[in-house]
Amino acid sequence: MWTISARAFVDFWDSLPGWQWAARFARIRGVMPILEILYRGFLPIFPFIAKVVGRFRTARENVRNKHK
């Protein structure tokens, strides 16, 4: 079963070289509930952020292609 939550990010950080510190921090008592609230608040705005980043990336690639 897939878990999509702040806890999933903590598990992911724990598996990445150089990110274990973030996982250890998140496991301090009281930190995980705060991360979960922040994650739930971020979910509704994520599609907007992804759209903006995608447009920025496309515009940057267009500028690069013009200068080739």
Protein backbone atom coordinates (compact mmCIF):
# COMPACT_ATOMS: atom_id res chain seq x y z
CA MET A 1 0.00 0.00 0.00
CA TRP A 2 1.25 3.49 -0.90
CA THR A 3 1.51 6.13 1.78
CA ILE A 4 1.45 9.72 0.62
CA SER A 5 2.13 12.03 3.52
CA ALA A 6 4.90 13.85 5.29
CA ARG A 7 5.90 10.48 6.75
CA ALA A 8 6.55 9.19 3.23
CA PHE A 9 8.93 12.10 2.63
CA VAL A 10 10.73 11.33 5.88
CA ASP A 11 11.17 7.71 4.79
CA PHE A 12 12.42 8.93 1.40
CA TRP A 13 14.88 11.34 3.02
CA ASP A 14 16.17 8.50 5.15
CA SER A 15 17.06 6.59 1.98
CA LEU A 16 18.91 9.46 0.29
CA PRO A 17 22.61 10.01 0.86
CA GLY A 18 23.10 13.29 2.71
CA TRP A 19 19.44 13.63 3.76
CA GLN A 20 19.41 11.40 6.82
CA TRP A 21 19.78 14.51 8.98
CA ALA A 22 16.37 15.73 7.75
CA ALA A 23 14.81 12.37 8.57
CA ARG A 24 16.34 12.41 12.04
CA PHE A 25 15.06 15.95 12.62
CA ALA A 26 11.56 14.99 11.46
CA ARG A 27 11.49 12.12 13.93
CA ILE A 28 11.99 14.41 16.92
CA ARG A 29 8.88 14.30 19.07
CA GLY A 30 6.42 16.96 17.93
CA VAL A 31 8.01 17.68 14.55
CA MET A 32 6.05 15.12 12.49
CA PRO A 33 2.60 16.59 13.28
CA ILE A 34 3.86 20.02 12.19
CA LEU A 35 5.30 18.58 8.97
CA GLU A 36 2.02 16.80 8.31
CA ILE A 37 0.07 20.07 8.67
CA LEU A 38 2.51 21.86 6.36
CA TYR A 39 2.31 19.02 3.83
CA ARG A 40 -1.52 19.06 3.85
CA GLY A 41 -1.45 22.83 3.35
CA PHE A 42 0.98 22.51 0.45
CA LEU A 43 -1.09 19.93 -1.45
CA PRO A 44 -3.77 22.35 -2.75
CA ILE A 45 -1.19 24.80 -4.17
CA PHE A 46 1.14 22.20 -5.68
CA PRO A 47 -0.59 22.06 -9.11
CA PHE A 48 -0.24 25.85 -9.45
CA ILE A 49 3.44 25.72 -8.51
CA ALA A 50 4.07 22.87 -10.96
CA LYS A 51 2.36 24.84 -13.74
CA VAL A 52 4.42 27.98 -13.07
CA VAL A 53 7.68 26.01 -12.92
CA GLY A 54 6.78 24.22 -16.15
CA ARG A 55 6.14 27.51 -17.94
CA PHE A 56 9.40 28.96 -16.63
CA ARG A 57 11.31 25.89 -17.79
CA THR A 58 9.70 26.03 -21.25
CA ALA A 59 10.49 29.73 -21.61
CA ARG A 60 14.10 29.15 -20.58
CA GLU A 61 14.48 26.31 -23.10
CA ASN A 62 13.01 28.52 -25.83
CA VAL A 63 15.59 31.24 -25.07
CA ARG A 64 18.40 28.69 -25.16
CA ASN A 65 17.20 27.29 -28.48
CA LYS A 66 17.08 30.79 -30.02
CA HIS A 67 20.76 31.35 -29.19
CA LYS A 68 22.02 28.12 -30.74
